[in-house]
């Protein structure tokens, strides 16, 4: 007994690399169990553990036939698993590719797609004189305003945006807030600006857009219900009467950190709040 304890204590000194190694393996096992939970692969994993247990017992005891049978079967288990569970494997690899560490590299592409969807929605709403306000979160979080609305957590698409703001839709009042290139919530309440230097023809949507951007670095796209004009509020300033190209330039400049270059749409007239 004392010799066994001595052997257990006589181990190489653990280094930081050993800790990192253990953490990585633990994370891989945890993510693997999450992927197969509730699928047929979970049943296969349980069966594989049973087979490995039998193989271990066959090594401890003189069960030569069992050991031979397991060794013969294990050669084909991997190929059988690939054929039987190919759909589960595709799903697991897809989820792995959408992990946060990989989503970081696709952020710019997704932001560009979000901008195009917002532009398309704004053009359609403007054409039909449908009022709307679409807020895009930047560095400062908008959690308080998201919680004031109806949570959606949906993919950004012009179809969904235009549907939300239809006059008879239950969520048309309030603002849509986009977080991390997803529609976080609709029918959100925004603070109104109290600046006295605004034009009297500006409605509640424009004042709410300016009021929000006075408090944070978010960007708000506003479509006027009366005139059908498209405006953008950023840092307390309102850029009015924007065309599609001008809206794209404004959104790209703010969301993609893109500077204005010759040949792009010129900045629209602005109102200083």
C-alpha atoms as a PDB file:
ATOM      1  CA  UNK A   1       0.000   0.000   0.000  1.00  0.00           C
ATOM      2  CA  UNK A   2       2.784   2.374   0.890  1.00  0.00           C
ATOM      3  CA  UNK A   3       4.506   1.641  -2.419  1.00  0.00           C
ATOM      4  CA  UNK A   4       1.301   2.427  -4.331  1.00  0.00           C
ATOM      5  CA  UNK A   5       0.956   5.739  -2.509  1.00  0.00           C
ATOM      6  CA  UNK A   6       4.602   6.523  -3.195  1.00  0.00           C
ATOM      7  CA  UNK A   7       4.165   5.857  -6.914  1.00  0.00           C
ATOM      8  CA  UNK A   8       1.098   8.094  -7.011  1.00  0.00           C
ATOM      9  CA  UNK A   9       2.964  10.889  -5.294  1.00  0.00           C
ATOM     10  CA  UNK A  10       6.075  10.432  -7.401  1.00  0.00           C
ATOM     11  CA  UNK A  11       4.693  12.259 -10.451  1.00  0.00           C
ATOM     12  CA  UNK A  12       6.353  14.817 -12.717  1.00  0.00           C
ATOM     13  CA  UNK A  13       5.714  18.384 -11.656  1.00  0.00           C
ATOM     14  CA  UNK A  14       2.634  19.886 -13.323  1.00  0.00           C
ATOM     15  CA  UNK A  15       3.300  22.910 -15.518  1.00  0.00           C
ATOM     16  CA  UNK A  16       1.037  25.559 -17.019  1.00  0.00           C
ATOM     17  CA  UNK A  17       1.114  23.654 -20.309  1.00  0.00           C
ATOM     18  CA  UNK A  18      -0.373  20.631 -18.530  1.00  0.00           C
ATOM     19  CA  UNK A  19      -3.187  22.790 -17.194  1.00  0.00           C
ATOM     20  CA  UNK A  20      -3.852  24.190 -20.660  1.00  0.00           C
ATOM     21  CA  UNK A  21      -3.787  20.685 -22.098  1.00  0.00           C
ATOM     22  CA  UNK A  22      -6.339  19.454 -19.551  1.00  0.00           C
ATOM     23  CA  UNK A  23      -8.603  22.457 -20.115  1.00  0.00           C
ATOM     24  CA  UNK A  24      -8.583  21.985 -23.890  1.00  0.00           C
ATOM     25  CA  UNK A  25      -9.400  18.280 -23.627  1.00  0.00           C
ATOM     26  CA  UNK A  26     -12.144  19.005 -21.071  1.00  0.00           C
ATOM     27  CA  UNK A  27     -13.636  21.645 -23.355  1.00  0.00           C
ATOM     28  CA  UNK A  28     -13.580  19.284 -26.339  1.00  0.00           C
ATOM     29  CA  UNK A  29     -15.310  16.549 -24.338  1.00  0.00           C
ATOM     30  CA  UNK A  30     -17.912  19.007 -23.042  1.00  0.00           C
ATOM     31  CA  UNK A  31     -18.674  20.412 -26.498  1.00  0.00           C
ATOM     32  CA  UNK A  32     -18.812  16.907 -27.926  1.00  0.00           C
ATOM     33  CA  UNK A  33     -21.385  15.839 -25.345  1.00  0.00           C
ATOM     34  CA  UNK A  34     -23.428  18.962 -26.087  1.00  0.00           C
ATOM     35  CA  UNK A  35     -23.432  18.155 -29.797  1.00  0.00           C
ATOM     36  CA  UNK A  36     -24.621  14.557 -29.404  1.00  0.00           C
ATOM     37  CA  UNK A  37     -27.101  15.215 -26.592  1.00  0.00           C
ATOM     38  CA  UNK A  38     -30.602  14.252 -27.650  1.00  0.00           C
ATOM     39  CA  UNK A  39     -29.466  12.604 -30.900  1.00  0.00           C
ATOM     40  CA  UNK A  40     -28.901   9.046 -32.064  1.00  0.00           C
ATOM     41  CA  UNK A  41     -25.182   9.586 -31.566  1.00  0.00           C
ATOM     42  CA  UNK A  42     -25.795   9.605 -27.793  1.00  0.00           C
ATOM     43  CA  UNK A  43     -27.067   6.043 -27.971  1.00  0.00           C
ATOM     44  CA  UNK A  44     -24.069   5.037 -30.066  1.00  0.00           C
ATOM     45  CA  UNK A  45     -21.703   6.645 -27.544  1.00  0.00           C
ATOM     46  CA  UNK A  46     -23.316   4.626 -24.745  1.00  0.00           C
ATOM     47  CA  UNK A  47     -22.948   1.434 -26.774  1.00  0.00           C
ATOM     48  CA  UNK A  48     -19.312   2.239 -27.573  1.00  0.00           C
ATOM     49  CA  UNK A  49     -18.560   2.727 -23.867  1.00  0.00           C
ATOM     50  CA  UNK A  50     -20.080  -0.683 -23.183  1.00  0.00           C
ATOM     51  CA  UNK A  51     -17.912  -2.280 -25.871  1.00  0.00           C
ATOM     52  CA  UNK A  52     -14.777  -0.622 -24.456  1.00  0.00           C
ATOM     53  CA  UNK A  53     -15.697  -1.857 -20.984  1.00  0.00           C
ATOM     54  CA  UNK A  54     -16.044  -5.414 -22.298  1.00  0.00           C
ATOM     55  CA  UNK A  55     -12.695  -5.106 -24.066  1.00  0.00           C
ATOM     56  CA  UNK A  56     -11.062  -3.939 -20.829  1.00  0.00           C
ATOM     57  CA  UNK A  57     -12.588  -6.856 -18.926  1.00  0.00           C
ATOM     58  CA  UNK A  58     -11.394  -9.273 -21.599  1.00  0.00           C
ATOM     59  CA  UNK A  59      -7.837  -8.059 -20.943  1.00  0.00           C
ATOM     60  CA  UNK A  60      -8.160  -8.557 -17.188  1.00  0.00           C
ATOM     61  CA  UNK A  61      -9.721 -11.995 -17.434  1.00  0.00           C
ATOM     62  CA  UNK A  62      -8.999 -14.857 -19.852  1.00  0.00           C
ATOM     63  CA  UNK A  63     -11.828 -13.997 -22.268  1.00  0.00           C
ATOM     64  CA  UNK A  64      -9.911 -14.550 -25.492  1.00  0.00           C
ATOM     65  CA  UNK A  65     -12.967 -15.022 -27.716  1.00  0.00           C
ATOM     66  CA  UNK A  66     -14.562 -11.792 -26.506  1.00  0.00           C
ATOM     67  CA  UNK A  67     -11.290  -9.900 -27.010  1.00  0.00           C
ATOM     68  CA  UNK A  68     -10.912 -11.277 -30.553  1.00  0.00           C
ATOM     69  CA  UNK A  69     -14.517 -10.433 -31.430  1.00  0.00           C
ATOM     70  CA  UNK A  70     -14.220  -6.852 -30.173  1.00  0.00           C
ATOM     71  CA  UNK A  71     -10.923  -6.301 -31.982  1.00  0.00           C
ATOM     72  CA  UNK A  72     -12.485  -7.558 -35.214  1.00  0.00           C
ATOM     73  CA  UNK A  73     -15.578  -5.382 -34.860  1.00  0.00           C
ATOM     74  CA  UNK A  74     -13.808  -2.167 -33.852  1.00  0.00           C
ATOM     75  CA  UNK A  75     -12.028  -2.030 -37.217  1.00  0.00           C
ATOM     76  CA  UNK A  76     -15.340  -1.342 -38.974  1.00  0.00           C
ATOM     77  CA  UNK A  77     -17.021   0.773 -36.291  1.00  0.00           C
ATOM     78  CA  UNK A  78     -15.536   4.050 -37.536  1.00  0.00           C
ATOM     79  CA  UNK A  79     -16.683   3.487 -41.139  1.00  0.00           C
ATOM     80  CA  UNK A  80     -20.134   2.382 -39.994  1.00  0.00           C
ATOM     81  CA  UNK A  81     -20.487   5.480 -37.801  1.00  0.00           C
ATOM     82  CA  UNK A  82     -19.616   7.801 -40.704  1.00  0.00           C
ATOM     83  CA  UNK A  83     -22.261   6.200 -42.927  1.00  0.00           C
ATOM     84  CA  UNK A  84     -25.022   5.956 -40.323  1.00  0.00           C
ATOM     85  CA  UNK A  85     -24.520   9.312 -38.651  1.00  0.00           C
ATOM     86  CA  UNK A  86     -23.455  11.463 -41.595  1.00  0.00           C
ATOM     87  CA  UNK A  87     -26.301  13.954 -40.989  1.00  0.00           C
ATOM     88  CA  UNK A  88     -25.343  14.313 -37.312  1.00  0.00           C
ATOM     89  CA  UNK A  89     -21.697  14.808 -38.279  1.00  0.00           C
ATOM     90  CA  UNK A  90     -22.641  17.571 -40.731  1.00  0.00           C
ATOM     91  CA  UNK A  91     -24.736  19.271 -38.055  1.00  0.00           C
ATOM     92  CA  UNK A  92     -21.908  19.042 -35.515  1.00  0.00           C
ATOM     93  CA  UNK A  93     -19.369  20.519 -37.927  1.00  0.00           C
ATOM     94  CA  UNK A  94     -21.811  23.291 -38.826  1.00  0.00           C
ATOM     95  CA  UNK A  95     -22.258  24.195 -35.157  1.00  0.00           C
ATOM     96  CA  UNK A  96     -18.512  24.096 -34.636  1.00  0.00           C
ATOM     97  CA  UNK A  97     -18.023  26.497 -37.527  1.00  0.00           C
ATOM     98  CA  UNK A  98     -20.528  28.916 -36.000  1.00  0.00           C
ATOM     99  CA  UNK A  99     -18.711  29.050 -32.652  1.00  0.00           C
ATOM    100  CA  UNK A 100     -17.843  32.548 -31.359  1.00  0.00           C
ATOM    101  CA  UNK A 101     -14.153  32.190 -32.182  1.00  0.00           C
ATOM    102  CA  UNK A 102     -15.023  31.619 -35.869  1.00  0.00           C
ATOM    103  CA  UNK A 103     -17.892  34.123 -35.976  1.00  0.00           C
ATOM    104  CA  UNK A 104     -15.375  36.850 -35.192  1.00  0.00           C
ATOM    105  CA  UNK A 105     -13.712  36.452 -38.597  1.00  0.00           C
ATOM    106  CA  UNK A 106     -17.059  36.606 -40.446  1.00  0.00           C
ATOM    107  CA  UNK A 107     -18.286  39.706 -38.585  1.00  0.00           C
ATOM    108  CA  UNK A 108     -17.481  42.181 -41.377  1.00  0.00           C
ATOM    109  CA  UNK A 109     -19.226  40.060 -44.005  1.00  0.00           C
ATOM    110  CA  UNK A 110     -22.323  39.647 -41.837  1.00  0.00           C
ATOM    111  CA  UNK A 111     -22.364  43.381 -41.060  1.00  0.00           C
ATOM    112  CA  UNK A 112     -22.290  44.157 -44.780  1.00  0.00           C
ATOM    113  CA  UNK A 113     -25.196  41.768 -45.382  1.00  0.00           C
ATOM    114  CA  UNK A 114     -27.143  43.369 -42.533  1.00  0.00           C
ATOM    115  CA  UNK A 115     -26.610  46.814 -44.044  1.00  0.00           C
ATOM    116  CA  UNK A 116     -27.958  45.669 -47.412  1.00  0.00           C
ATOM    117  CA  UNK A 117     -31.048  44.160 -45.782  1.00  0.00           C
ATOM    118  CA  UNK A 118     -31.708  47.388 -43.869  1.00  0.00           C
ATOM    119  CA  UNK A 119     -31.284  49.440 -47.056  1.00  0.00           C
ATOM    120  CA  UNK A 120     -33.726  47.229 -48.952  1.00  0.00           C
ATOM    121  CA  UNK A 121     -36.270  47.448 -46.127  1.00  0.00           C
ATOM    122  CA  UNK A 122     -35.887  51.227 -45.897  1.00  0.00           C
ATOM    123  CA  UNK A 123     -36.426  51.607 -49.647  1.00  0.00           C
ATOM    124  CA  UNK A 124     -39.624  49.546 -49.596  1.00  0.00           C
ATOM    125  CA  UNK A 125     -41.010  51.292 -46.510  1.00  0.00           C
ATOM    126  CA  UNK A 126     -40.163  54.698 -47.979  1.00  0.00           C
ATOM    127  CA  UNK A 127     -41.900  53.835 -51.240  1.00  0.00           C
ATOM    128  CA  UNK A 128     -45.125  52.938 -49.380  1.00  0.00           C
ATOM    129  CA  UNK A 129     -44.856  55.826 -46.878  1.00  0.00           C
ATOM    130  CA  UNK A 130     -44.687  53.434 -43.929  1.00  0.00           C
ATOM    131  CA  UNK A 131     -43.115  54.910 -40.812  1.00  0.00           C
ATOM    132  CA  UNK A 132     -40.298  52.962 -39.172  1.00  0.00           C
ATOM    133  CA  UNK A 133     -37.239  53.271 -36.970  1.00  0.00           C
ATOM    134  CA  UNK A 134     -34.423  50.713 -37.125  1.00  0.00           C
ATOM    135  CA  UNK A 135     -31.613  50.943 -34.566  1.00  0.00           C
ATOM    136  CA  UNK A 136     -28.204  49.322 -35.110  1.00  0.00           C
ATOM    137  CA  UNK A 137     -26.138  48.716 -31.993  1.00  0.00           C
ATOM    138  CA  UNK A 138     -22.441  49.571 -32.087  1.00  0.00           C
ATOM    139  CA  UNK A 139     -19.996  49.542 -29.150  1.00  0.00           C
ATOM    140  CA  UNK A 140     -22.365  50.631 -26.363  1.00  0.00           C
ATOM    141  CA  UNK A 141     -24.949  47.984 -25.483  1.00  0.00           C
ATOM    142  CA  UNK A 142     -28.676  48.635 -25.781  1.00  0.00           C
ATOM    143  CA  UNK A 143     -29.895  45.960 -23.388  1.00  0.00           C
ATOM    144  CA  UNK A 144     -32.193  48.305 -21.451  1.00  0.00           C
ATOM    145  CA  UNK A 145     -33.992  49.332 -24.627  1.00  0.00           C
ATOM    146  CA  UNK A 146     -34.143  45.747 -25.913  1.00  0.00           C
ATOM    147  CA  UNK A 147     -35.857  44.659 -22.704  1.00  0.00           C
ATOM    148  CA  UNK A 148     -38.527  47.322 -23.211  1.00  0.00           C
ATOM    149  CA  UNK A 149     -39.705  45.630 -26.416  1.00  0.00           C
ATOM    150  CA  UNK A 150     -40.717  42.191 -27.647  1.00  0.00           C
ATOM    151  CA  UNK A 151     -37.715  39.820 -27.984  1.00  0.00           C
ATOM    152  CA  UNK A 152     -37.288  38.222 -31.402  1.00  0.00           C
ATOM    153  CA  UNK A 153     -33.655  37.057 -31.879  1.00  0.00           C
ATOM    154  CA  UNK A 154     -34.224  36.614 -35.607  1.00  0.00           C
ATOM    155  CA  UNK A 155     -32.029  36.828 -38.683  1.00  0.00           C
ATOM    156  CA  UNK A 156     -32.049  40.262 -40.308  1.00  0.00           C
ATOM    157  CA  UNK A 157     -34.040  40.294 -43.548  1.00  0.00           C
ATOM    158  CA  UNK A 158     -35.910  43.016 -45.387  1.00  0.00           C
ATOM    159  CA  UNK A 159     -39.007  40.779 -45.501  1.00  0.00           C
ATOM    160  CA  UNK A 160     -39.165  40.591 -41.714  1.00  0.00           C
ATOM    161  CA  UNK A 161     -38.383  44.283 -41.224  1.00  0.00           C
ATOM    162  CA  UNK A 162     -41.077  45.433 -43.644  1.00  0.00           C
ATOM    163  CA  UNK A 163     -43.582  43.023 -42.084  1.00  0.00           C
ATOM    164  CA  UNK A 164     -42.922  44.352 -38.583  1.00  0.00           C
ATOM    165  CA  UNK A 165     -43.645  47.975 -39.531  1.00  0.00           C
ATOM    166  CA  UNK A 166     -46.869  47.405 -41.454  1.00  0.00           C
ATOM    167  CA  UNK A 167     -49.559  49.634 -39.885  1.00  0.00           C
ATOM    168  CA  UNK A 168     -51.783  46.690 -38.921  1.00  0.00           C
ATOM    169  CA  UNK A 169     -48.918  44.613 -37.518  1.00  0.00           C
ATOM    170  CA  UNK A 170     -48.930  44.262 -33.701  1.00  0.00           C
ATOM    171  CA  UNK A 171     -45.255  45.302 -33.440  1.00  0.00           C
ATOM    172  CA  UNK A 172     -45.267  48.343 -35.736  1.00  0.00           C
ATOM    173  CA  UNK A 173     -45.172  50.864 -32.870  1.00  0.00           C
ATOM    174  CA  UNK A 174     -41.704  51.460 -31.471  1.00  0.00           C
ATOM    175  CA  UNK A 175     -38.259  50.638 -32.795  1.00  0.00           C
ATOM    176  CA  UNK A 176     -36.516  47.517 -34.037  1.00  0.00           C
ATOM    177  CA  UNK A 177     -33.091  47.004 -32.463  1.00  0.00           C
ATOM    178  CA  UNK A 178     -30.394  45.020 -34.277  1.00  0.00           C
ATOM    179  CA  UNK A 179     -27.639  43.493 -32.129  1.00  0.00           C
ATOM    180  CA  UNK A 180     -24.726  41.502 -33.525  1.00  0.00           C
ATOM    181  CA  UNK A 181     -26.409  41.339 -36.941  1.00  0.00           C
ATOM    182  CA  UNK A 182     -29.632  39.850 -35.546  1.00  0.00           C
ATOM    183  CA  UNK A 183     -32.973  41.455 -34.808  1.00  0.00           C
ATOM    184  CA  UNK A 184     -32.936  41.428 -31.013  1.00  0.00           C
ATOM    185  CA  UNK A 185     -36.362  42.966 -30.361  1.00  0.00           C
ATOM    186  CA  UNK A 186     -39.198  44.988 -31.844  1.00  0.00           C
ATOM    187  CA  UNK A 187     -41.643  47.550 -30.447  1.00  0.00           C
ATOM    188  CA  UNK A 188     -38.880  49.025 -28.283  1.00  0.00           C
ATOM    189  CA  UNK A 189     -39.298  52.364 -26.508  1.00  0.00           C
ATOM    190  CA  UNK A 190     -36.617  55.006 -27.052  1.00  0.00           C
ATOM    191  CA  UNK A 191     -35.968  58.276 -25.175  1.00  0.00           C
ATOM    192  CA  UNK A 192     -37.114  61.490 -26.880  1.00  0.00           C
ATOM    193  CA  UNK A 193     -34.680  64.338 -27.335  1.00  0.00           C
ATOM    194  CA  UNK A 194     -35.373  67.566 -25.445  1.00  0.00           C
ATOM    195  CA  UNK A 195     -33.277  69.738 -27.743  1.00  0.00           C
ATOM    196  CA  UNK A 196     -35.188  72.945 -28.602  1.00  0.00           C
ATOM    197  CA  UNK A 197     -33.357  73.560 -31.893  1.00  0.00           C
ATOM    198  CA  UNK A 198     -35.147  70.968 -34.020  1.00  0.00           C
ATOM    199  CA  UNK A 199     -37.493  71.605 -36.926  1.00  0.00           C
ATOM    200  CA  UNK A 200     -41.157  71.494 -36.004  1.00  0.00           C
ATOM    201  CA  UNK A 201     -41.918  69.101 -38.838  1.00  0.00           C
ATOM    202  CA  UNK A 202     -39.938  66.327 -37.145  1.00  0.00           C
ATOM    203  CA  UNK A 203     -42.167  63.660 -35.644  1.00  0.00           C
ATOM    204  CA  UNK A 204     -41.841  61.361 -32.663  1.00  0.00           C
ATOM    205  CA  UNK A 205     -39.730  58.820 -34.552  1.00  0.00           C
ATOM    206  CA  UNK A 206     -37.107  61.400 -35.489  1.00  0.00           C
ATOM    207  CA  UNK A 207     -37.001  62.802 -31.960  1.00  0.00           C
ATOM    208  CA  UNK A 208     -36.663  59.298 -30.532  1.00  0.00           C
ATOM    209  CA  UNK A 209     -33.828  58.498 -32.942  1.00  0.00           C
ATOM    210  CA  UNK A 210     -31.980  61.676 -32.019  1.00  0.00           C
ATOM    211  CA  UNK A 211     -32.654  61.127 -28.314  1.00  0.00           C
ATOM    212  CA  UNK A 212     -31.191  57.622 -28.404  1.00  0.00           C
ATOM    213  CA  UNK A 213     -28.087  58.619 -30.343  1.00  0.00           C
ATOM    214  CA  UNK A 214     -27.481  61.478 -27.901  1.00  0.00           C
ATOM    215  CA  UNK A 215     -27.037  58.888 -25.136  1.00  0.00           C
ATOM    216  CA  UNK A 216     -25.020  56.223 -26.960  1.00  0.00           C
ATOM    217  CA  UNK A 217     -23.121  55.505 -30.171  1.00  0.00           C
ATOM    218  CA  UNK A 218     -25.961  53.573 -31.815  1.00  0.00           C
ATOM    219  CA  UNK A 219     -27.174  54.421 -35.305  1.00  0.00           C
ATOM    220  CA  UNK A 220     -30.887  54.862 -36.107  1.00  0.00           C
ATOM    221  CA  UNK A 221     -32.526  54.709 -39.537  1.00  0.00           C
ATOM    222  CA  UNK A 222     -35.852  56.561 -39.670  1.00  0.00           C
ATOM    223  CA  UNK A 223     -38.508  56.443 -42.385  1.00  0.00           C
ATOM    224  CA  UNK A 224     -41.040  59.274 -42.288  1.00  0.00           C
ATOM    225  CA  UNK A 225     -44.659  58.213 -42.502  1.00  0.00           C
ATOM    226  CA  UNK A 226     -45.812  61.601 -43.851  1.00  0.00           C
ATOM    227  CA  UNK A 227     -43.113  62.279 -46.455  1.00  0.00           C
ATOM    228  CA  UNK A 228     -41.569  58.854 -46.979  1.00  0.00           C
ATOM    229  CA  UNK A 229     -38.064  60.312 -46.638  1.00  0.00           C
ATOM    230  CA  UNK A 230     -35.192  58.313 -45.186  1.00  0.00           C
ATOM    231  CA  UNK A 231     -33.054  59.801 -42.422  1.00  0.00           C
ATOM    232  CA  UNK A 232     -30.174  58.574 -40.279  1.00  0.00           C
ATOM    233  CA  UNK A 233     -29.440  59.713 -36.723  1.00  0.00           C
ATOM    234  CA  UNK A 234     -25.950  59.281 -35.297  1.00  0.00           C
ATOM    235  CA  UNK A 235     -24.309  60.993 -32.308  1.00  0.00           C
ATOM    236  CA  UNK A 236     -27.267  63.324 -31.886  1.00  0.00           C
ATOM    237  CA  UNK A 237     -27.255  64.493 -35.518  1.00  0.00           C
ATOM    238  CA  UNK A 238     -29.943  63.813 -38.075  1.00  0.00           C
ATOM    239  CA  UNK A 239     -29.078  63.337 -41.760  1.00  0.00           C
ATOM    240  CA  UNK A 240     -32.243  63.788 -43.810  1.00  0.00           C
ATOM    241  CA  UNK A 241     -33.565  63.066 -47.289  1.00  0.00           C
ATOM    242  CA  UNK A 242     -31.100  60.285 -48.070  1.00  0.00           C
ATOM    243  CA  UNK A 243     -31.127  58.245 -51.244  1.00  0.00           C
ATOM    244  CA  UNK A 244     -30.298  54.556 -51.275  1.00  0.00           C
ATOM    245  CA  UNK A 245     -26.654  55.183 -52.146  1.00  0.00           C
ATOM    246  CA  UNK A 246     -26.327  57.894 -49.521  1.00  0.00           C
ATOM    247  CA  UNK A 247     -27.885  55.614 -46.893  1.00  0.00           C
ATOM    248  CA  UNK A 248     -25.452  52.847 -47.829  1.00  0.00           C
ATOM    249  CA  UNK A 249     -22.498  55.232 -47.536  1.00  0.00           C
ATOM    250  CA  UNK A 250     -23.674  56.454 -44.136  1.00  0.00           C
ATOM    251  CA  UNK A 251     -24.209  52.952 -42.765  1.00  0.00           C
ATOM    252  CA  UNK A 252     -20.910  51.675 -44.098  1.00  0.00           C
ATOM    253  CA  UNK A 253     -19.089  54.683 -42.695  1.00  0.00           C
ATOM    254  CA  UNK A 254     -20.555  54.088 -39.227  1.00  0.00           C
ATOM    255  CA  UNK A 255     -20.808  50.287 -39.036  1.00  0.00           C
ATOM    256  CA  UNK A 256     -17.795  49.180 -41.089  1.00  0.00           C
ATOM    257  CA  UNK A 257     -15.447  52.031 -40.081  1.00  0.00           C
ATOM    258  CA  UNK A 258     -15.204  52.991 -43.741  1.00  0.00           C
ATOM    259  CA  UNK A 259     -14.060  56.515 -44.587  1.00  0.00           C
ATOM    260  CA  UNK A 260     -15.616  58.687 -47.248  1.00  0.00           C
ATOM    261  CA  UNK A 261     -13.766  58.580 -50.539  1.00  0.00           C
ATOM    262  CA  UNK A 262     -14.195  60.552 -53.785  1.00  0.00           C
ATOM    263  CA  UNK A 263     -16.937  59.154 -55.962  1.00  0.00           C
ATOM    264  CA  UNK A 264     -19.201  58.136 -53.086  1.00  0.00           C
ATOM    265  CA  UNK A 265     -22.482  59.856 -52.300  1.00  0.00           C
ATOM    266  CA  UNK A 266     -21.983  63.224 -50.689  1.00  0.00           C
ATOM    267  CA  UNK A 267     -23.173  63.736 -47.097  1.00  0.00           C
ATOM    268  CA  UNK A 268     -26.782  64.841 -46.865  1.00  0.00           C
ATOM    269  CA  UNK A 269     -27.879  68.051 -45.149  1.00  0.00           C
ATOM    270  CA  UNK A 270     -27.870  67.628 -41.403  1.00  0.00           C
ATOM    271  CA  UNK A 271     -29.695  69.116 -38.452  1.00  0.00           C
ATOM    272  CA  UNK A 272     -27.606  69.851 -35.392  1.00  0.00           C
ATOM    273  CA  UNK A 273     -29.410  68.819 -32.296  1.00  0.00           C
END
